[in-house]
């Protein structure tokens, strides 16, 4: 995306207006965010998040290991990470949506993890953290909602320490014949209707489906990560490319 054009789903919008529109979507679905992911992935998002945590492999020791989880307002990924790691593993959740953070704060407190997980309101394009302050950065199903992805990737690089790793889990582009047609049918026909029945709103779900189709394909996104100066960039498709885990390192 450039400074002169942006998209909100399939609709072209002024880049200055896009973030506000995205914020409205997540303010609407915050209380039902986990349900939303269940509808959009058939429940597979839970396995994919586990895959992300396995790839991160947080150390099971008391040595400090600090993770920044971006767009992780409801706390799902951050809680998985600290539970998988040792006593030294901690996470900072940064999300631009106050409503999502409110949901996440309640979940983190209920889980008894407030001493290991902090929640911060912030924009991925202008992170409120010091240079080289994290051992890893993760973002799950959030990068496609960023208006200027290149700026966000540059910020992720900035806050990573040398030797730190970026992991991005995102809905992607199916590369299996016939599965791609079935996935399109499910996405554009079933998901908005399920959203209307389960959450009383179809438009947020329609935007989220359209935003997946607007997101760069796997190789193109890997090139964007390389352009942000990350090295050893790779990706692995999940469920035939319905989702993918992208990896890059700050060397």
Protein backbone atom coordinates (compact mmCIF):
# COMPACT_ATOMS: atom_id res chain seq x y z
CA UNK A 1 0.00 0.00 0.00
CA UNK A 2 1.13 3.53 -0.69
CA UNK A 3 0.40 6.82 0.97
CA UNK A 4 -2.04 7.69 -1.83
CA UNK A 5 -4.19 4.55 -1.80
CA UNK A 6 -5.40 1.94 0.64
CA UNK A 7 -8.16 -0.62 0.81
CA UNK A 8 -10.75 -1.52 3.38
CA UNK A 9 -11.57 -5.01 2.21
CA UNK A 10 -12.29 -4.60 -1.50
CA UNK A 11 -13.21 -0.92 -1.11
CA UNK A 12 -10.58 1.76 -1.86
CA UNK A 13 -10.29 4.32 0.94
CA UNK A 14 -8.12 7.23 1.99
CA UNK A 15 -5.17 5.81 3.99
CA UNK A 16 -5.88 8.37 6.72
CA UNK A 17 -9.37 6.93 7.16
CA UNK A 18 -8.50 3.23 7.00
CA UNK A 19 -7.27 2.73 10.55
CA UNK A 20 -10.42 4.24 11.98
CA UNK A 21 -12.53 1.88 9.89
CA UNK A 22 -10.49 -1.11 11.04
CA UNK A 23 -10.79 0.04 14.65
CA UNK A 24 -14.57 0.11 14.29
CA UNK A 25 -14.54 -3.52 13.13
CA UNK A 26 -12.60 -4.70 16.16
CA UNK A 27 -14.60 -2.57 18.56
CA UNK A 28 -17.65 -4.41 17.20
CA UNK A 29 -16.23 -7.94 17.43
CA UNK A 30 -13.97 -7.65 20.52
CA UNK A 31 -16.29 -9.57 22.85
CA UNK A 32 -16.72 -12.28 20.22
CA UNK A 33 -13.19 -12.31 18.80
CA UNK A 34 -12.45 -15.94 19.65
CA UNK A 35 -15.78 -16.94 18.12
CA UNK A 36 -14.87 -14.90 15.03
CA UNK A 37 -11.63 -16.84 14.60
CA UNK A 38 -13.49 -20.11 15.10
CA UNK A 39 -15.91 -19.16 12.33
CA UNK A 40 -13.18 -18.00 9.95
CA UNK A 41 -10.91 -21.01 10.44
CA UNK A 42 -13.29 -23.78 11.42
CA UNK A 43 -11.53 -23.85 14.79
CA UNK A 44 -8.12 -24.46 13.21
CA UNK A 45 -6.74 -21.13 14.47
CA UNK A 46 -6.13 -22.82 17.83
CA UNK A 47 -3.83 -25.41 16.23
CA UNK A 48 -2.13 -22.75 14.12
CA UNK A 49 -1.40 -20.64 17.21
CA UNK A 50 0.06 -23.70 18.90
CA UNK A 51 2.24 -24.13 15.79
CA UNK A 52 3.42 -20.52 16.16
CA UNK A 53 4.40 -21.12 19.79
CA UNK A 54 6.25 -24.33 18.89
CA UNK A 55 8.17 -22.41 16.21
CA UNK A 56 9.04 -19.69 18.75
CA UNK A 57 10.15 -22.32 21.29
CA UNK A 58 10.42 -19.98 24.30
CA UNK A 59 13.17 -21.15 26.67
CA UNK A 60 12.00 -23.22 29.62
CA UNK A 61 14.32 -21.53 32.08
CA UNK A 62 14.45 -18.60 34.47
CA UNK A 63 16.59 -16.60 32.03
CA UNK A 64 14.76 -13.46 30.83
CA UNK A 65 13.04 -13.89 27.47
CA UNK A 66 10.83 -10.96 26.50
CA UNK A 67 8.25 -11.26 23.72
CA UNK A 68 6.21 -8.52 22.06
CA UNK A 69 2.87 -9.81 20.78
CA UNK A 70 1.37 -7.28 18.38
CA UNK A 71 -2.36 -7.00 17.63
CA UNK A 72 -2.82 -9.60 20.36
CA UNK A 73 -5.39 -7.72 22.39
CA UNK A 74 -7.39 -10.68 23.67
CA UNK A 75 -4.25 -12.31 25.02
CA UNK A 76 -4.66 -15.69 23.35
CA UNK A 77 -1.17 -15.91 21.85
CA UNK A 78 0.67 -14.19 24.71
CA UNK A 79 -0.83 -16.56 27.27
CA UNK A 80 0.18 -19.56 25.19
CA UNK A 81 3.74 -18.23 24.97
CA UNK A 82 4.27 -17.60 28.67
CA UNK A 83 2.71 -20.94 29.58
CA UNK A 84 5.05 -22.71 27.16
CA UNK A 85 8.13 -20.88 28.43
CA UNK A 86 9.95 -20.95 31.72
CA UNK A 87 9.74 -18.51 34.61
CA UNK A 88 11.84 -15.96 32.72
CA UNK A 89 9.45 -15.71 29.78
CA UNK A 90 7.26 -12.59 29.74
CA UNK A 91 5.14 -10.91 27.11
CA UNK A 92 3.97 -7.41 26.29
CA UNK A 93 0.73 -7.24 24.31
CA UNK A 94 0.42 -4.17 22.10
CA UNK A 95 -2.86 -3.46 20.34
CA UNK A 96 -4.41 -0.34 18.87
CA UNK A 97 -7.91 -1.41 19.94
CA UNK A 98 -8.86 -0.41 23.47
CA UNK A 99 -11.86 -2.73 23.33
CA UNK A 100 -9.68 -5.72 22.45
CA UNK A 101 -7.26 -4.86 25.25
CA UNK A 102 -10.13 -4.67 27.73
CA UNK A 103 -11.12 -8.23 26.81
CA UNK A 104 -7.52 -9.39 27.02
CA UNK A 105 -6.91 -7.74 30.39
CA UNK A 106 -9.83 -9.64 31.89
CA UNK A 107 -8.56 -12.94 30.46
CA UNK A 108 -4.98 -12.36 31.63
CA UNK A 109 -6.14 -11.49 35.16
CA UNK A 110 -8.46 -14.51 35.28
CA UNK A 111 -5.56 -16.73 34.25
CA UNK A 112 -3.35 -15.33 36.99
CA UNK A 113 -0.73 -14.12 34.51
CA UNK A 114 -0.74 -10.37 35.19
CA UNK A 115 2.79 -10.56 36.61
CA UNK A 116 4.13 -11.94 33.32
CA UNK A 117 1.94 -10.23 30.72
CA UNK A 118 1.50 -6.47 30.29
CA UNK A 119 -0.99 -4.80 27.95
CA UNK A 120 -0.19 -1.57 26.12
CA UNK A 121 -2.31 0.48 23.74
CA UNK A 122 -0.24 1.37 20.70
CA UNK A 123 0.04 1.53 16.92
CA UNK A 124 2.19 -1.08 15.17
CA UNK A 125 3.49 1.66 12.86
CA UNK A 126 4.83 3.69 15.83
CA UNK A 127 5.60 1.26 18.63
CA UNK A 128 5.90 2.76 22.13
CA UNK A 129 8.99 0.71 23.00
CA UNK A 130 12.74 1.33 23.05
CA UNK A 131 15.14 0.03 20.42
CA UNK A 132 16.33 -3.56 20.85
CA UNK A 133 14.04 -4.26 23.79
CA UNK A 134 12.57 -7.67 22.83
CA UNK A 135 13.92 -11.15 22.16
CA UNK A 136 11.03 -11.97 19.82
CA UNK A 137 8.08 -10.30 18.11
CA UNK A 138 4.93 -12.19 17.18
CA UNK A 139 1.78 -11.10 15.39
CA UNK A 140 -1.13 -13.43 14.65
CA UNK A 141 -3.90 -12.48 12.22
CA UNK A 142 -3.09 -8.79 12.64
CA UNK A 143 -0.59 -7.69 10.01
CA UNK A 144 -3.19 -7.48 7.23
CA UNK A 145 -5.12 -4.91 9.29
CA UNK A 146 -2.15 -2.52 9.33
CA UNK A 147 -2.38 0.33 6.82
CA UNK A 148 1.37 0.69 6.14
CA UNK A 149 2.80 -2.80 6.51
CA UNK A 150 6.30 -1.65 5.58
CA UNK A 151 6.35 0.83 8.47
CA UNK A 152 5.15 -1.81 10.92
CA UNK A 153 7.82 -4.28 9.80
CA UNK A 154 10.47 -1.59 10.21
CA UNK A 155 9.22 -0.97 13.75
CA UNK A 156 9.31 -4.68 14.55
CA UNK A 157 12.92 -4.78 13.36
CA UNK A 158 13.77 -1.73 15.46
CA UNK A 159 12.48 -3.16 18.75
CA UNK A 160 14.10 -6.57 18.27
CA UNK A 161 17.50 -7.18 19.75
CA UNK A 162 20.23 -8.57 17.44
CA UNK A 163 19.61 -12.30 17.23
CA UNK A 164 15.89 -11.78 17.82
CA UNK A 165 13.17 -13.39 15.75
CA UNK A 166 9.97 -12.24 14.07
CA UNK A 167 7.09 -14.69 13.60
CA UNK A 168 3.96 -13.72 11.67
CA UNK A 169 0.90 -15.97 11.53
CA UNK A 170 -1.61 -14.83 8.95
CA UNK A 171 -4.40 -16.12 6.76
CA UNK A 172 -2.84 -16.60 3.34
CA UNK A 173 -3.43 -17.94 -0.16
CA UNK A 174 -4.48 -21.54 -0.74
CA UNK A 175 -2.17 -23.47 -3.07
CA UNK A 176 -4.10 -26.75 -3.29
CA UNK A 177 -6.38 -27.30 -6.35
CA UNK A 178 -10.08 -27.55 -5.47
CA UNK A 179 -9.40 -26.53 -1.87
CA UNK A 180 -9.03 -22.96 -3.11
CA UNK A 181 -12.55 -23.02 -4.63
CA UNK A 182 -14.07 -24.59 -1.53
CA UNK A 183 -12.31 -22.04 0.66
CA UNK A 184 -13.62 -19.13 -1.44
CA UNK A 185 -17.15 -20.50 -1.25
CA UNK A 186 -16.91 -20.93 2.51
CA UNK A 187 -15.32 -17.50 2.98
CA UNK A 188 -17.65 -15.35 0.93
CA UNK A 189 -20.90 -17.21 1.40
CA UNK A 190 -20.80 -19.00 4.75
CA UNK A 191 -18.69 -16.79 7.02
CA UNK A 192 -20.76 -13.57 6.73
CA UNK A 193 -23.95 -15.55 7.28
CA UNK A 194 -22.48 -17.34 10.29
CA UNK A 195 -21.32 -13.98 11.61
CA UNK A 196 -24.85 -12.63 11.32
CA UNK A 197 -26.32 -15.65 13.11
CA UNK A 198 -23.68 -15.97 15.85
CA UNK A 199 -22.71 -12.36 16.45
CA UNK A 200 -25.57 -10.35 14.97
CA UNK A 201 -23.34 -8.66 12.37
CA UNK A 202 -22.18 -9.77 8.94
CA UNK A 203 -20.25 -6.71 7.69
CA UNK A 204 -17.24 -7.05 10.03
CA UNK A 205 -16.84 -10.63 8.86
CA UNK A 206 -17.17 -9.63 5.21
CA UNK A 207 -14.37 -7.07 5.67
CA UNK A 208 -12.13 -9.65 7.35
CA UNK A 209 -12.65 -12.13 4.52
CA UNK A 210 -11.95 -9.47 1.90
CA UNK A 211 -8.84 -8.30 3.77
CA UNK A 212 -7.41 -11.82 3.48
CA UNK A 213 -7.78 -11.73 -0.30
CA UNK A 214 -6.11 -8.31 -0.46
CA UNK A 215 -3.11 -9.47 1.57
CA UNK A 216 0.09 -10.24 -0.41
CA UNK A 217 0.72 -13.84 -1.36
CA UNK A 218 3.32 -15.79 0.57
CA UNK A 219 6.36 -15.02 -1.59
CA UNK A 220 5.46 -11.35 -1.91
CA UNK A 221 5.06 -10.95 1.83
CA UNK A 222 8.37 -12.75 2.42
CA UNK A 223 9.97 -10.17 0.13
CA UNK A 224 8.44 -7.38 2.25
CA UNK A 225 10.03 -8.91 5.35
CA UNK A 226 13.40 -9.02 3.58
CA UNK A 227 12.98 -5.38 2.54
CA UNK A 228 12.65 -4.52 6.25
CA UNK A 229 16.21 -5.90 6.69
CA UNK A 230 15.28 -9.23 8.22
CA UNK A 231 17.46 -12.18 7.28
CA UNK A 232 16.97 -15.94 7.01
CA UNK A 233 13.40 -15.21 5.91
CA UNK A 234 11.17 -18.22 5.34
CA UNK A 235 7.55 -19.31 5.53
CA UNK A 236 5.60 -22.50 6.03
CA UNK A 237 2.07 -23.07 4.79
CA UNK A 238 -0.54 -24.45 7.16
CA UNK A 239 -3.62 -26.37 5.97
CA UNK A 240 -2.73 -26.02 2.31
CA UNK A 241 -2.00 -22.31 2.53
CA UNK A 242 -5.18 -21.26 4.33
CA UNK A 243 -2.69 -19.78 6.78
CA UNK A 244 1.09 -19.41 6.83
CA UNK A 245 3.78 -18.79 9.43
CA UNK A 246 6.47 -16.35 8.26
CA UNK A 247 9.82 -16.13 10.01
CA UNK A 248 12.66 -13.62 9.93
CA UNK A 249 15.66 -12.81 12.08
CA UNK A 250 17.44 -9.62 13.07
CA UNK A 251 21.09 -10.58 12.74
